[in-house]
Amino acid sequence: MASNAIDQTRRMLSLVTYLRDRPGARIDDVARAFGISADELISDLDVLPMCGTSFRGGDLLEIDTDGERIWWRNADALGSDTAQPLRLASDEATALLVAARAVATLPGLRESDRDALQRATAKLEAAAGENAGASSRLSVTFEAEGGVFADVDRAIAERRRLWLRYYSPARDELTEREVDPIRLFAVGHTYLEAWCRLSEARRTFRLDRVAEIKLLDEPADPPPVELRDLSEGLVQPSAEDPEVVVEVGPGGRWVAEYYPYDSAEELPDGGLRVTLRTPDPASLRRLALRLGRDGRIVEPRELADSAREAARLALAAYGE
């Protein structure tokens, strides 16, 4: 089932009410009721304890789980008639109002949800009084991804194929391709997961790298695929991916913190010999250029040679 940030927000709002009325609910039952996997539910539960009636950590939701059941410990306290009315400081009111106005302009938002958000924003402005003034001088828009998001969201809803002109930073080139959308998701940036007809494989596309997009009249027909669990991040190398060996000095040890790896051996100079896997080894040329004197690609040999050539061309460009 396709999911995006709007769907997740709507689901989590419903989840709060659901859990309040069902103390000790089983994880499997709740996941089934919301049509999501247990892992997706756990991901939502990791976020809910950061929500509450104060940005500064006042009355937050005390929700926990033992891996089988879910408890909301302070549901009565937060929902009681004796709870204090919400009071917002100037910075809190500004943050809420700016965010609300930005979300109201988000492409793909249902009109009923947009109307409800605008009504809530008007009430918040009235309640904030003078504190709402600063927010009118600030604005946030989604121009970089907005149009692309709307077309992708529509393609998913109508099960239609998409044509893309997509920029690949690893190859520094624009490619044209037709894709069958599978889902939208956000991990830092917003991504489209789709079946690519050019490569005949599942691919992930970052929306802000889509240079041009068109909805096609041809129906989308992606083959059945198992949705990946993204709780461990977007990049999850598999055992079948090519192996790359990188040696870094003390100044390059950060590579082992930012890249999933199979092994990291200590070197006499305080550096590391890192063995990792990636479905696209050529993308590591940029890593080699970033490391400079702090590291080098050792294997495979052809990748090491291409990284050296890229460095030579970059230096030559500076010379010119």
Protein backbone atom coordinates (compact mmCIF):
# COMPACT_ATOMS: atom_id res chain seq x y z
CA MET A 1 0.00 0.00 0.00
CA ALA A 2 1.41 3.40 -1.01
CA SER A 3 2.14 5.70 1.91
CA ASN A 4 3.33 9.27 2.27
CA ALA A 5 3.83 11.88 4.99
CA ILE A 6 0.21 13.00 4.76
CA ASP A 7 -1.05 9.44 5.21
CA GLN A 8 1.29 8.91 8.17
CA THR A 9 0.20 12.11 9.90
CA ARG A 10 -3.47 11.22 9.47
CA ARG A 11 -2.80 7.69 10.74
CA MET A 12 -0.91 8.85 13.82
CA LEU A 13 -3.70 11.25 14.79
CA SER A 14 -6.17 8.35 14.60
CA LEU A 15 -3.74 6.12 16.47
CA VAL A 16 -3.81 8.39 19.53
CA THR A 17 -7.61 8.04 19.84
CA TYR A 18 -7.44 4.31 19.14
CA LEU A 19 -4.86 3.65 21.87
CA ARG A 20 -6.68 5.81 24.42
CA ASP A 21 -9.75 3.58 24.11
CA ARG A 22 -7.79 0.28 24.05
CA PRO A 23 -5.21 0.09 26.85
CA GLY A 24 -2.84 -2.85 26.43
CA ALA A 25 -3.79 -3.35 22.78
CA ARG A 26 -1.77 -6.00 20.95
CA ILE A 27 0.71 -4.71 18.36
CA ASP A 28 -0.45 -7.19 15.71
CA ASP A 29 -4.11 -6.23 16.23
CA VAL A 30 -3.38 -2.50 15.99
CA ALA A 31 -1.22 -2.93 12.88
CA ARG A 32 -3.95 -5.01 11.25
CA ALA A 33 -6.59 -2.41 12.11
CA PHE A 34 -4.58 0.35 10.43
CA GLY A 35 -3.49 -1.76 7.45
CA ILE A 36 0.23 -1.41 8.15
CA SER A 37 3.06 -3.70 9.16
CA ALA A 38 4.15 -4.17 12.77
CA ASP A 39 7.46 -2.43 11.91
CA GLU A 40 5.60 0.62 10.58
CA LEU A 41 3.52 0.73 13.75
CA ILE A 42 6.63 0.57 15.94
CA SER A 43 8.08 3.45 13.90
CA ASP A 44 4.95 5.51 14.65
CA LEU A 45 5.20 4.62 18.34
CA ASP A 46 8.78 5.90 18.39
CA VAL A 47 7.50 9.33 17.28
CA LEU A 48 4.37 9.66 19.44
CA PRO A 49 6.24 10.09 22.78
CA MET A 50 7.74 13.29 21.33
CA CYS A 51 4.22 14.76 20.92
CA GLY A 52 2.18 16.51 23.55
CA THR A 53 0.81 19.83 24.69
CA SER A 54 4.13 21.69 24.84
CA PHE A 55 7.07 22.00 22.48
CA ARG A 56 9.32 22.34 25.53
CA GLY A 57 8.60 18.88 26.87
CA GLY A 58 5.78 19.59 29.30
CA ASP A 59 2.95 17.10 29.01
CA LEU A 60 4.14 14.55 26.45
CA LEU A 61 2.46 11.28 25.53
CA GLU A 62 3.79 8.47 27.70
CA ILE A 63 3.37 5.56 25.29
CA ASP A 64 5.46 2.40 25.60
CA THR A 65 5.44 -1.22 24.51
CA ASP A 66 6.96 -4.51 25.58
CA GLY A 67 7.08 -5.73 21.99
CA GLU A 68 3.67 -7.40 22.24
CA ARG A 69 1.28 -4.86 23.79
CA ILE A 70 0.99 -1.05 23.86
CA TRP A 71 0.16 1.16 26.85
CA TRP A 72 -0.62 4.87 27.02
CA ARG A 73 0.31 5.67 30.61
CA ASN A 74 -0.99 9.24 30.96
CA ALA A 75 -4.06 9.22 28.69
CA ASP A 76 -6.39 10.30 31.51
CA ALA A 77 -4.12 13.14 32.62
CA LEU A 78 -3.79 14.65 29.15
CA GLY A 79 -7.45 14.19 28.30
CA SER A 80 -9.01 15.21 31.64
CA ASP A 81 -11.22 18.23 32.15
CA THR A 82 -8.74 19.56 34.72
CA ALA A 83 -5.92 19.79 32.17
CA GLN A 84 -4.53 23.31 31.78
CA PRO A 85 -5.55 25.22 28.63
CA LEU A 86 -2.91 25.41 25.94
CA ARG A 87 -0.72 28.50 26.25
CA LEU A 88 1.78 29.33 23.53
CA ALA A 89 4.87 31.48 23.78
CA SER A 90 5.69 33.75 20.85
CA ASP A 91 8.19 31.32 19.27
CA GLU A 92 5.78 28.38 19.69
CA ALA A 93 2.90 30.26 18.08
CA THR A 94 5.14 31.40 15.22
CA ALA A 95 6.44 27.89 14.56
CA LEU A 96 2.94 26.39 14.58
CA LEU A 97 1.40 29.03 12.32
CA VAL A 98 4.24 29.00 9.78
CA ALA A 99 4.13 25.19 9.62
CA ALA A 100 0.34 25.12 9.32
CA ARG A 101 0.30 27.62 6.46
CA ALA A 102 3.06 25.72 4.67
CA VAL A 103 1.29 22.35 4.99
CA ALA A 104 -1.94 23.95 3.71
CA THR A 105 -0.18 24.67 0.40
CA LEU A 106 1.18 21.13 0.05
CA PRO A 107 0.15 19.51 -3.26
CA GLY A 108 -1.76 16.27 -2.83
CA LEU A 109 -3.52 17.38 0.37
CA ARG A 110 -7.22 16.51 0.28
CA GLU A 111 -9.47 19.58 0.06
CA SER A 112 -11.38 18.52 3.19
CA ASP A 113 -8.10 18.28 5.10
CA ARG A 114 -6.93 21.62 3.69
CA ASP A 115 -10.18 23.32 4.78
CA ALA A 116 -9.93 21.80 8.26
CA LEU A 117 -6.31 22.95 8.57
CA GLN A 118 -7.19 26.48 7.49
CA ARG A 119 -10.01 26.65 10.05
CA ALA A 120 -7.67 25.41 12.78
CA THR A 121 -5.06 27.99 11.70
CA ALA A 122 -7.60 30.79 11.99
CA LYS A 123 -8.51 29.68 15.52
CA LEU A 124 -4.83 29.46 16.43
CA GLU A 125 -4.22 32.99 15.12
CA ALA A 126 -7.09 34.30 17.24
CA ALA A 127 -5.84 32.47 20.34
CA ALA A 128 -2.24 33.59 19.85
CA GLY A 129 -3.19 37.26 19.61
CA GLU A 130 -0.14 39.51 19.35
CA ASN A 131 2.14 36.45 19.31
CA ALA A 132 0.80 35.59 15.85
CA GLY A 133 2.21 38.76 14.34
CA ALA A 134 5.72 37.47 13.67
CA SER A 135 4.41 34.47 11.74
CA SER A 136 2.82 36.68 9.08
CA ARG A 137 6.29 37.86 8.06
CA LEU A 138 7.58 34.33 7.50
CA SER A 139 6.68 31.74 4.90
CA VAL A 140 7.76 28.27 3.86
CA THR A 141 6.95 26.80 0.45
CA PHE A 142 7.57 23.48 -1.28
CA GLU A 143 8.31 24.85 -4.74
CA ALA A 144 11.30 22.57 -5.38
CA GLU A 145 9.30 19.36 -4.97
CA GLY A 146 5.67 20.53 -4.93
CA GLY A 147 4.74 20.02 -8.57
CA VAL A 148 6.59 16.72 -8.75
CA PHE A 149 4.95 15.52 -5.53
CA ALA A 150 1.48 16.34 -6.89
CA ASP A 151 2.07 14.43 -10.14
CA VAL A 152 3.55 11.41 -8.36
CA ASP A 153 0.74 11.36 -5.80
CA ARG A 154 -1.82 11.50 -8.60
CA ALA A 155 -0.03 8.77 -10.58
CA ILE A 156 -0.13 6.48 -7.53
CA ALA A 157 -3.81 7.20 -6.90
CA GLU A 158 -4.77 6.65 -10.56
CA ARG A 159 -2.25 3.81 -11.17
CA ARG A 160 -0.64 5.61 -14.12
CA ARG A 161 2.87 5.42 -15.54
CA LEU A 162 5.26 8.38 -15.28
CA TRP A 163 7.94 9.78 -17.60
CA LEU A 164 10.92 11.36 -15.84
CA ARG A 165 14.01 13.37 -16.68
CA TYR A 166 16.15 12.56 -13.67
CA TYR A 167 19.51 13.87 -12.53
CA SER A 168 21.95 11.28 -11.18
CA PRO A 169 24.71 13.01 -9.15
CA ALA A 170 26.80 9.84 -9.08
CA ARG A 171 27.09 9.91 -12.89
CA ASP A 172 26.53 13.67 -13.28
CA GLU A 173 24.01 13.10 -16.04
CA LEU A 174 20.32 13.47 -16.90
CA THR A 175 18.47 10.36 -18.02
CA GLU A 176 14.97 9.89 -19.41
CA ARG A 177 12.92 6.92 -18.29
CA GLU A 178 9.41 5.61 -17.77
CA VAL A 179 8.52 4.30 -14.33
CA ASP A 180 5.59 2.56 -12.65
CA PRO A 181 5.12 4.22 -9.21
CA ILE A 182 4.99 2.02 -6.11
CA ARG A 183 5.00 4.48 -3.19
CA LEU A 184 6.13 7.84 -1.83
CA PHE A 185 8.14 7.99 1.39
CA ALA A 186 10.34 10.40 3.32
CA VAL A 187 13.76 9.65 4.81
CA GLY A 188 15.34 13.06 5.21
CA HIS A 189 14.16 13.90 1.65
CA THR A 190 11.02 12.80 -0.19
CA TYR A 191 11.47 9.81 -2.49
CA LEU A 192 9.53 7.90 -5.12
CA GLU A 193 9.97 4.15 -5.17
CA ALA A 194 9.07 2.78 -8.60
CA TRP A 195 9.65 0.04 -11.14
CA CYS A 196 11.99 1.53 -13.75
CA ARG A 197 11.29 0.37 -17.32
CA LEU A 198 14.77 1.50 -18.43
CA SER A 199 16.68 -0.73 -16.03
CA GLU A 200 13.87 -3.29 -15.53
CA ALA A 201 14.39 -3.11 -11.77
CA ARG A 202 13.07 -1.33 -8.69
CA ARG A 203 14.64 2.10 -8.27
CA THR A 204 14.37 5.01 -5.83
CA PHE A 205 14.18 8.62 -7.08
CA ARG A 206 14.68 11.74 -4.96
CA LEU A 207 11.96 14.22 -5.87
CA ASP A 208 14.19 17.30 -5.84
CA ARG A 209 16.35 15.65 -8.52
CA VAL A 210 13.46 15.21 -10.96
CA ALA A 211 14.09 17.83 -13.67
CA GLU A 212 10.86 17.12 -15.57
CA ILE A 213 7.86 14.85 -15.09
CA LYS A 214 4.83 13.84 -17.17
CA LEU A 215 1.80 11.70 -16.37
CA LEU A 216 1.28 9.11 -19.10
CA ASP A 217 -2.02 7.60 -20.19
CA GLU A 218 -0.52 4.12 -19.98
CA PRO A 219 -1.52 2.23 -16.81
CA ALA A 220 1.20 1.48 -14.25
CA ASP A 221 1.88 -2.23 -13.89
CA PRO A 222 4.81 -2.81 -11.51
CA PRO A 223 5.57 -6.45 -10.73
CA PRO A 224 4.75 -7.62 -7.20
CA VAL A 225 7.53 -6.47 -4.87
CA GLU A 226 7.99 -6.67 -1.12
CA LEU A 227 8.19 -3.19 0.37
CA ARG A 228 11.51 -2.60 2.08
CA ASP A 229 11.68 -1.85 5.78
CA LEU A 230 13.25 1.63 5.88
CA SER A 231 13.67 1.79 9.65
CA GLU A 232 17.42 1.16 9.20
CA GLY A 233 17.78 3.91 6.60
CA LEU A 234 17.44 4.27 2.87
CA VAL A 235 20.72 2.58 1.89
CA GLN A 236 20.72 -1.06 2.96
CA PRO A 237 23.37 -3.05 1.06
CA SER A 238 22.71 -6.72 0.38
CA ALA A 239 25.08 -9.68 0.27
CA GLU A 240 24.75 -9.75 -3.54
CA ASP A 241 26.07 -6.19 -4.00
CA PRO A 242 29.66 -5.68 -5.24
CA GLU A 243 32.35 -5.40 -2.56
CA VAL A 244 34.48 -2.25 -2.27
CA VAL A 245 37.57 -1.79 -0.07
CA VAL A 246 38.52 1.71 1.09
CA GLU A 247 41.57 2.64 3.17
CA VAL A 248 41.36 5.85 5.17
CA GLY A 249 43.75 7.71 7.45
CA PRO A 250 42.86 9.11 10.89
CA GLY A 251 41.08 12.05 9.24
CA GLY A 252 38.83 9.73 7.27
CA ARG A 253 37.58 7.45 10.05
CA TRP A 254 34.17 9.14 9.74
CA VAL A 255 33.53 6.87 6.72
CA ALA A 256 32.84 3.97 9.12
CA GLU A 257 30.23 6.10 10.89
CA TYR A 258 28.30 7.19 7.80
CA TYR A 259 28.51 4.12 5.53
CA PRO A 260 27.17 0.63 6.38
CA TYR A 261 30.14 -1.73 6.19
CA ASP A 262 30.99 -5.44 6.47
CA SER A 263 34.26 -4.95 8.33
CA ALA A 264 36.64 -2.21 9.53
CA GLU A 265 40.23 -3.18 10.32
CA GLU A 266 42.57 -0.91 12.26
CA LEU A 267 45.68 0.27 10.37
CA PRO A 268 49.06 1.05 11.98
CA ASP A 269 48.76 4.78 11.23
CA GLY A 270 45.46 5.07 13.10
CA GLY A 271 43.34 4.72 9.99
CA LEU A 272 40.92 2.01 8.87
CA ARG A 273 40.60 -0.51 6.08
CA VAL A 274 36.84 -0.55 5.44
CA THR A 275 35.09 -3.24 3.41
CA LEU A 276 31.57 -2.34 2.32
CA ARG A 277 28.99 -3.26 -0.30
CA THR A 278 27.01 -1.01 -2.61
CA PRO A 279 24.67 -1.65 -5.54
CA ASP A 280 26.38 1.23 -7.39
CA PRO A 281 30.18 1.21 -6.81
CA ALA A 282 30.64 4.15 -9.20
CA SER A 283 28.85 6.38 -6.68
CA LEU A 284 31.88 5.99 -4.37
CA ARG A 285 34.05 8.04 -6.72
CA ARG A 286 32.60 11.12 -5.04
CA LEU A 287 33.63 9.67 -1.66
CA ALA A 288 37.20 9.26 -2.92
CA LEU A 289 37.28 12.89 -4.13
CA ARG A 290 35.90 14.08 -0.79
CA LEU A 291 38.50 12.12 1.16
CA GLY A 292 41.42 13.53 -0.82
CA ARG A 293 44.64 12.66 1.01
CA ASP A 294 42.66 11.11 3.87
CA GLY A 295 41.73 7.99 1.93
CA ARG A 296 41.71 5.94 -1.25
CA ILE A 297 39.77 3.16 -2.94
CA VAL A 298 41.80 -0.06 -3.01
CA GLU A 299 39.41 -2.52 -4.67
CA PRO A 300 38.00 -3.11 -7.20
CA ARG A 301 40.94 -1.97 -9.30
CA GLU A 302 38.84 -0.43 -12.09
CA LEU A 303 36.97 1.73 -9.57
CA ALA A 304 40.26 2.86 -8.01
CA ASP A 305 41.55 3.80 -11.47
CA SER A 306 38.40 5.75 -12.34
CA ALA A 307 38.58 7.63 -9.01
CA ARG A 308 42.17 8.65 -9.73
CA GLU A 309 41.17 9.80 -13.22
CA ALA A 310 38.29 11.84 -11.78
CA ALA A 311 40.72 13.48 -9.33
CA ARG A 312 43.18 14.24 -12.17
CA LEU A 313 40.46 15.89 -14.27
CA ALA A 314 39.27 17.92 -11.29
CA LEU A 315 42.81 19.21 -10.62
CA ALA A 316 43.28 19.96 -14.31
CA ALA A 317 40.08 22.03 -14.29
CA TYR A 318 41.46 24.12 -11.42
CA GLY A 319 44.69 24.60 -13.39
CA GLU A 320 42.80 25.98 -16.35
